[in-house]
Structures are given as structure tokens and as C-alpha cells.
N, C-alpha and C. Protein backbone atom coordinates (compact mmCIF):
# COMPACT_ATOMS: atom_id res chain seq x y z
N MET A 1 14.04 -5.68 17.51
CA MET A 1 13.76 -6.59 16.41
C MET A 1 12.09 -7.32 16.43
N PHE A 2 11.64 -7.47 17.72
CA PHE A 2 10.50 -7.25 18.15
C PHE A 2 9.38 -6.55 17.35
N ALA A 3 9.69 -4.84 17.38
CA ALA A 3 9.22 -3.92 16.78
C ALA A 3 9.20 -4.30 15.43
N ALA A 4 10.06 -4.48 14.75
CA ALA A 4 10.17 -4.67 13.59
C ALA A 4 9.48 -5.58 12.85
N LEU A 5 9.35 -6.77 13.45
CA LEU A 5 8.65 -8.23 12.65
C LEU A 5 7.75 -8.28 13.13
N ASN A 6 7.30 -7.98 14.74
CA ASN A 6 5.95 -7.91 15.40
C ASN A 6 4.95 -6.94 14.78
N THR A 7 5.42 -5.63 15.29
CA THR A 7 4.90 -4.11 15.04
C THR A 7 4.54 -3.28 13.56
N VAL A 8 5.67 -3.18 13.21
CA VAL A 8 5.96 -2.46 11.96
C VAL A 8 5.58 -3.71 10.39
N GLU A 9 5.92 -4.48 10.54
CA GLU A 9 6.07 -5.37 9.30
C GLU A 9 4.35 -5.66 9.14
N PRO A 10 4.00 -6.16 10.28
CA PRO A 10 2.60 -6.74 9.80
C PRO A 10 1.61 -5.72 9.29
N ALA A 11 2.14 -4.02 9.54
CA ALA A 11 0.97 -3.49 9.20
C ALA A 11 1.85 -2.92 7.83
N ILE A 12 2.69 -3.03 7.15
CA ILE A 12 3.49 -2.85 6.20
C ILE A 12 2.71 -3.98 5.01
N VAL A 13 3.08 -4.84 5.76
CA VAL A 13 2.40 -6.40 4.85
C VAL A 13 0.97 -6.38 4.42
N GLU A 14 -0.11 -5.68 5.56
CA GLU A 14 -1.12 -5.92 5.18
C GLU A 14 -1.38 -4.75 4.34
N ARG A 15 -0.82 -3.49 4.31
CA ARG A 15 -1.05 -2.40 3.11
C ARG A 15 -0.74 -3.15 1.50
N GLU A 16 0.46 -3.93 1.83
CA GLU A 16 0.96 -4.57 0.21
C GLU A 16 -0.59 -5.13 -0.05
N ALA A 17 -0.87 -6.12 0.60
CA ALA A 17 -1.95 -7.20 0.39
C ALA A 17 -2.94 -6.37 -0.28
N ALA A 18 -3.26 -5.15 0.60
CA ALA A 18 -4.85 -4.43 -0.12
C ALA A 18 -4.03 -3.93 -1.43
N VAL A 19 -3.27 -3.50 -1.43
CA VAL A 19 -2.64 -3.03 -3.00
C VAL A 19 -2.93 -3.99 -4.07
N LEU A 20 -1.69 -4.98 -3.80
CA LEU A 20 -2.04 -6.03 -4.61
C LEU A 20 -3.27 -6.84 -4.78
N LEU A 21 -3.77 -7.18 -3.65
CA LEU A 21 -5.52 -8.04 -3.85
C LEU A 21 -6.52 -7.70 -3.93
N GLU A 22 -6.69 -6.30 -3.23
CA GLU A 22 -7.78 -5.70 -3.07
C GLU A 22 -8.11 -4.28 -4.03
N GLY A 23 -7.52 -4.30 -5.02
CA GLY A 23 -7.60 -2.88 -5.78
C GLY A 23 -8.69 -2.70 -6.55
N ASP A 24 -9.30 -3.95 -7.01
CA ASP A 24 -10.92 -3.78 -7.74
C ASP A 24 -12.26 -3.97 -6.73
N LYS A 25 -12.00 -3.91 -5.51
CA LYS A 25 -13.02 -3.97 -4.74
C LYS A 25 -13.43 -2.58 -4.23
N SER A 26 -14.77 -2.79 -4.43
CA SER A 26 -15.28 -1.23 -4.32
C SER A 26 -14.86 -0.31 -2.84
N TRP A 27 -14.65 -1.30 -1.69
CA TRP A 27 -14.20 -0.35 -0.30
C TRP A 27 -12.47 -0.12 -0.63
N HIS A 28 -12.00 -0.50 -1.42
CA HIS A 28 -10.17 -0.21 -1.66
C HIS A 28 -9.86 1.41 -1.26
N LYS A 29 -10.82 2.24 -2.11
CA LYS A 29 -10.55 3.32 -1.52
C LYS A 29 -10.76 3.98 -0.28
N GLU A 30 -11.44 3.47 0.46
CA GLU A 30 -11.71 3.81 1.46
C GLU A 30 -10.84 2.82 2.37
N ARG A 31 -10.59 2.01 2.42
CA ARG A 31 -9.48 1.14 3.22
C ARG A 31 -8.16 1.55 3.43
N LEU A 32 -7.77 1.73 1.86
CA LEU A 32 -6.25 1.94 2.04
C LEU A 32 -5.57 3.20 2.58
N PRO A 33 -6.66 4.33 2.77
CA PRO A 33 -5.90 5.57 3.81
C PRO A 33 -5.87 4.98 5.11
N MET A 34 -6.87 4.42 5.54
CA MET A 34 -6.88 3.74 7.08
C MET A 34 -5.53 2.95 7.19
N LEU A 35 -5.42 2.38 6.46
CA LEU A 35 -3.77 1.42 6.33
C LEU A 35 -2.56 2.15 6.44
N GLU A 36 -2.78 3.10 5.93
CA GLU A 36 -1.52 4.16 5.53
C GLU A 36 -1.41 4.95 6.57
N GLN A 37 -2.59 5.60 7.32
CA GLN A 37 -2.35 6.04 8.49
C GLN A 37 -1.85 5.27 9.54
N ARG A 38 -2.07 3.97 9.63
CA ARG A 38 -1.52 3.12 10.75
C ARG A 38 -0.12 2.94 10.54
N ILE A 39 0.36 3.17 9.11
CA ILE A 39 1.80 2.85 9.22
C ILE A 39 2.37 4.55 9.61
N ARG A 40 1.54 5.30 9.09
CA ARG A 40 2.39 6.65 9.17
C ARG A 40 2.72 6.87 10.80
N ASP A 41 1.64 6.25 11.66
CA ASP A 41 1.56 6.64 13.00
C ASP A 41 2.83 5.92 13.61
N LEU A 42 3.02 4.37 13.41
CA LEU A 42 4.15 3.76 13.53
C LEU A 42 5.21 4.35 13.32
N LEU A 43 5.42 4.97 11.96
CA LEU A 43 6.87 5.91 11.59
C LEU A 43 6.94 7.03 12.14
N ARG A 44 5.95 7.64 12.45
CA ARG A 44 6.22 8.58 13.62
C ARG A 44 6.60 8.49 14.87
N ALA A 45 6.04 7.19 15.32
CA ALA A 45 6.46 6.94 16.88
C ALA A 45 8.27 6.23 16.52
N LEU A 46 8.57 5.70 15.27
CA LEU A 46 9.73 5.33 15.23
C LEU A 46 10.83 6.06 15.40
N ALA A 47 10.21 7.15 14.37
CA ALA A 47 11.11 8.60 14.16
C ALA A 47 11.60 9.34 15.50
N ASP A 48 10.27 9.17 16.25
CA ASP A 48 10.60 10.17 17.57
C ASP A 48 11.43 9.38 18.45
N ARG A 49 11.52 7.89 18.03
CA ARG A 49 12.37 6.85 19.10
C ARG A 49 14.13 7.36 18.56
N LEU A 50 14.11 7.77 17.38
CA LEU A 50 15.37 7.93 17.07
C LEU A 50 16.13 9.29 17.88
N ARG A 51 15.13 10.34 17.71
CA ARG A 51 15.35 11.49 18.45
C ARG A 51 16.74 11.88 17.54
N ASP A 52 17.83 12.45 18.02
CA ASP A 52 19.09 12.70 17.17
C ASP A 52 19.86 11.45 16.89
N GLY A 53 19.44 10.20 17.41
CA GLY A 53 20.48 9.64 16.85
C GLY A 53 20.73 8.78 15.80
N GLU A 54 21.64 7.90 15.37
CA GLU A 54 21.57 7.50 14.17
C GLU A 54 21.13 6.00 14.10
N TRP A 55 20.64 5.46 15.05
CA TRP A 55 20.02 4.11 15.16
C TRP A 55 19.08 4.12 16.31
N ILE A 56 18.05 3.07 16.17
CA ILE A 56 16.80 2.96 16.83
C ILE A 56 17.06 2.87 18.46
N ASP A 57 18.16 2.14 18.53
CA ASP A 57 18.70 1.83 20.10
C ASP A 57 19.76 2.20 20.58
N GLY A 58 20.78 3.37 20.06
CA GLY A 58 21.88 3.67 20.18
C GLY A 58 22.54 3.11 19.35
N ALA A 59 23.49 2.42 19.36
CA ALA A 59 24.56 1.57 18.65
C ALA A 59 24.03 0.76 17.66
N PHE A 60 24.45 0.52 16.63
CA PHE A 60 24.25 -0.19 15.47
C PHE A 60 23.79 -1.55 15.79
N SER A 61 22.77 -2.28 15.83
CA SER A 61 22.46 -3.75 16.04
C SER A 61 21.61 -4.36 15.23
N ALA A 62 21.33 -5.86 15.51
CA ALA A 62 20.65 -6.82 14.58
C ALA A 62 19.28 -5.94 14.45
N GLY A 63 18.50 -5.32 15.82
CA GLY A 63 17.41 -4.57 15.48
C GLY A 63 17.39 -3.74 14.44
N ASP A 64 18.46 -2.96 14.44
CA ASP A 64 18.38 -1.74 13.05
C ASP A 64 18.24 -2.45 11.98
N LEU A 65 19.25 -3.53 11.66
CA LEU A 65 19.26 -4.19 10.15
C LEU A 65 17.68 -4.56 9.93
N LEU A 66 17.29 -5.27 11.03
CA LEU A 66 15.76 -5.99 10.73
C LEU A 66 14.85 -4.96 10.35
N MET A 67 15.02 -3.61 11.08
CA MET A 67 14.00 -2.31 10.55
C MET A 67 14.15 -2.05 9.84
N VAL A 68 15.54 -1.79 9.47
CA VAL A 68 15.98 -1.11 7.52
C VAL A 68 15.39 -2.12 6.75
N THR A 69 15.46 -3.51 6.92
CA THR A 69 14.86 -4.81 6.03
C THR A 69 13.25 -4.11 5.75
N VAL A 70 12.78 -4.33 7.06
CA VAL A 70 11.14 -3.83 7.05
C VAL A 70 10.93 -2.80 6.43
N LEU A 71 11.44 -1.37 6.59
CA LEU A 71 11.11 -0.21 5.75
C LEU A 71 11.57 -0.10 4.30
N ARG A 72 12.56 -1.06 3.98
CA ARG A 72 12.57 -0.87 2.71
C ARG A 72 11.34 -1.30 1.93
N ARG A 73 10.47 -2.33 2.40
CA ARG A 73 8.90 -2.64 2.10
C ARG A 73 8.21 -1.42 1.28
N LEU A 74 8.50 -0.09 2.11
CA LEU A 74 7.80 0.96 1.78
C LEU A 74 8.65 2.05 0.60
N GLU A 75 9.53 1.42 0.17
CA GLU A 75 10.38 2.53 -0.97
C GLU A 75 9.54 2.51 -2.15
N GLU A 76 8.58 1.88 -2.41
CA GLU A 76 7.89 2.59 -3.47
C GLU A 76 6.51 3.57 -2.95
N SER A 77 6.17 3.24 -2.01
CA SER A 77 5.19 4.19 -1.68
C SER A 77 5.40 5.71 -0.95
N GLY A 78 6.93 5.70 -1.02
CA GLY A 78 7.53 7.25 -0.50
C GLY A 78 7.09 7.54 0.79
N MET A 79 6.56 6.36 1.71
CA MET A 79 6.13 6.83 2.88
C MET A 79 7.32 7.56 4.02
N VAL A 80 8.26 6.52 3.95
CA VAL A 80 9.81 6.48 4.50
C VAL A 80 10.21 8.05 4.46
N SER A 81 10.16 8.35 3.44
CA SER A 81 10.81 9.67 2.80
C SER A 81 10.41 10.86 3.48
N ASP A 82 8.95 10.71 4.43
CA ASP A 82 8.36 11.84 4.89
C ASP A 82 8.82 11.97 6.36
N TYR A 83 9.70 11.03 6.51
CA TYR A 83 10.20 11.08 7.99
C TYR A 83 11.93 10.84 7.60
N PRO A 84 12.33 12.23 7.41
CA PRO A 84 14.11 12.37 7.22
C PRO A 84 14.75 11.40 8.22
N LYS A 85 14.48 11.52 9.54
CA LYS A 85 15.34 10.58 10.45
C LYS A 85 15.13 9.29 9.88
N LEU A 86 14.04 8.76 9.76
CA LEU A 86 14.27 7.54 9.29
C LEU A 86 14.51 7.03 8.06
N ALA A 87 14.33 7.94 7.14
CA ALA A 87 14.98 7.76 5.77
C ALA A 87 16.77 7.82 5.71
N GLY A 88 17.15 8.77 7.01
CA GLY A 88 18.54 8.47 7.10
C GLY A 88 18.87 7.20 7.44
N CYS A 89 18.29 7.03 8.70
CA CYS A 89 18.70 5.48 9.50
C CYS A 89 18.60 4.42 8.18
N VAL A 90 17.44 4.36 7.17
CA VAL A 90 17.34 3.61 6.16
C VAL A 90 18.56 3.94 5.22
N ALA A 91 19.01 4.68 4.72
CA ALA A 91 19.76 5.30 4.12
C ALA A 91 21.55 4.66 4.78
N ARG A 92 21.76 4.83 5.97
CA ARG A 92 23.11 4.34 6.73
C ARG A 92 23.26 2.88 6.72
N GLY A 93 21.81 2.08 6.86
CA GLY A 93 21.69 0.94 6.58
C GLY A 93 22.12 0.06 5.60
N GLU A 94 21.52 0.89 4.73
CA GLU A 94 21.66 0.14 3.25
C GLU A 94 23.21 0.71 2.75
N ALA A 95 24.00 1.38 3.56
CA ALA A 95 25.36 1.72 2.79
C ALA A 95 26.68 0.70 3.73
N TRP A 96 25.97 0.23 4.76
CA TRP A 96 26.85 -0.67 5.44
C TRP A 96 27.19 -1.97 4.20
N PRO A 97 28.24 -2.17 4.07
CA PRO A 97 28.89 -3.31 3.00
C PRO A 97 28.16 -4.47 3.47
N ALA A 98 28.22 -5.03 4.95
CA ALA A 98 27.29 -6.46 4.67
C ALA A 98 25.71 -6.17 4.53
N CYS A 99 25.40 -5.28 4.60
CA CYS A 99 24.27 -4.70 4.11
C CYS A 99 23.88 -4.96 2.51
N LYS A 100 24.67 -4.26 2.04
CA LYS A 100 25.16 -4.14 0.57
C LYS A 100 24.53 -5.74 0.17
N ARG A 101 25.51 -6.35 0.71
CA ARG A 101 25.57 -7.84 -0.05
C ARG A 101 24.48 -8.66 0.46
N ALA A 102 24.13 -8.62 1.68
CA ALA A 102 22.78 -9.42 1.82
C ALA A 102 22.05 -8.94 1.08
N PHE A 103 21.76 -7.68 0.79
CA PHE A 103 20.48 -7.36 -0.36
C PHE A 103 20.57 -7.99 -1.39
N ALA A 104 21.97 -7.71 -1.73
CA ALA A 104 21.94 -8.25 -3.57
C ALA A 104 21.98 -9.71 -3.42
N ASN A 105 22.20 -10.36 -2.14
CA ASN A 105 22.06 -11.72 -2.42
C ASN A 105 20.78 -12.30 -2.33
N GLN A 106 19.85 -11.47 -1.56
CA GLN A 106 18.51 -11.54 -1.54
C GLN A 106 18.12 -11.24 -2.88
N LEU A 107 18.60 -10.41 -3.79
CA LEU A 107 17.87 -10.29 -4.90
C LEU A 107 18.37 -11.15 -5.97
N ALA A 108 19.55 -11.68 -5.81
CA ALA A 108 19.95 -12.76 -6.68
C ALA A 108 19.25 -13.81 -6.48
N VAL A 109 18.87 -14.49 -5.19
CA VAL A 109 18.29 -15.69 -5.47
C VAL A 109 17.18 -15.67 -6.27
N PHE A 110 16.05 -14.33 -5.95
CA PHE A 110 15.04 -14.07 -6.79
C PHE A 110 15.27 -13.98 -8.04
N ALA A 111 16.38 -13.39 -8.37
CA ALA A 111 16.50 -13.39 -10.34
C ALA A 111 17.22 -14.67 -10.78
N GLY A 112 17.81 -15.67 -9.90
CA GLY A 112 18.35 -16.79 -10.29
C GLY A 112 19.82 -16.56 -10.56
N HIS A 113 20.60 -15.69 -10.05
CA HIS A 113 21.77 -15.63 -10.30
C HIS A 113 22.56 -15.98 -8.82
N PRO A 114 23.81 -16.51 -9.21
CA PRO A 114 24.79 -16.93 -7.89
C PRO A 114 24.54 -15.81 -6.72
N ILE A 115 25.19 -16.23 -5.51
CA ILE A 115 25.25 -15.60 -4.64
C ILE A 115 26.78 -15.20 -4.62
N VAL A 116 27.15 -13.69 -4.05
CA VAL A 116 27.96 -13.18 -4.11
C VAL A 116 28.65 -13.32 -2.41
N ASP A 117 30.01 -13.55 -2.59
CA ASP A 117 30.44 -13.38 -1.01
C ASP A 117 31.29 -12.37 -0.81
């Protein structure tokens, strides 16, 4: 959980901020590749941690759920798909019925729809 929230997510959030808020700056084209390389380094380390397993630390845990949630933030970038082991982990996490409900409820809140049980 610590890795998801305090190591991987901050790098992703920094990239998101750069894309959303700094695109018009003269230095943006130089900065973005540095941010993305930092994320790729983290993704590579995470994929190495997976080895041949399905989940980050053996059996499915809350840490996996948090990491899947964090990695979903990169969906539009396509970066996770460059690491098939991680992409598989995210897909397995998204396929869990409880995760499907949680993600649907999160979207419902932002869309102004009722939460699904």
C-alpha cells in the first residue's frame, strides 16, 4: 500500500499535472519525457517484483487493489501496456466483482448517479 500511495502515485500525479497545467510552457517538451522516464523506471521495478506471480506480494491483497487503482491513472498514456505483467495484474484487479462495483460507484459519484450495491 505504501508503494502505491507514496512511491508510484506521486510520480503519476506529477505527470498528470504537467500534462494538464504546463502544456503551454516553453520547457514542457523537455520536462515531460523526464517525468515519463521516472514512471517507466517505477513500472519496470514493479513488473520485476511481480516475476511470474499474479499479484505484487503473493496472494491478492489490499495493496494490489490500491496499486491497480493507481495504475489505472495511466490508462490514457498507454504506459502500463508496455509492461505485460503489470497490464495483466491491472486487468485481473479490474475483473474482480468487488472492484467493478467500487470503480462503478466512484464513477457514479462524479457523474451524479446513485451508488450501486
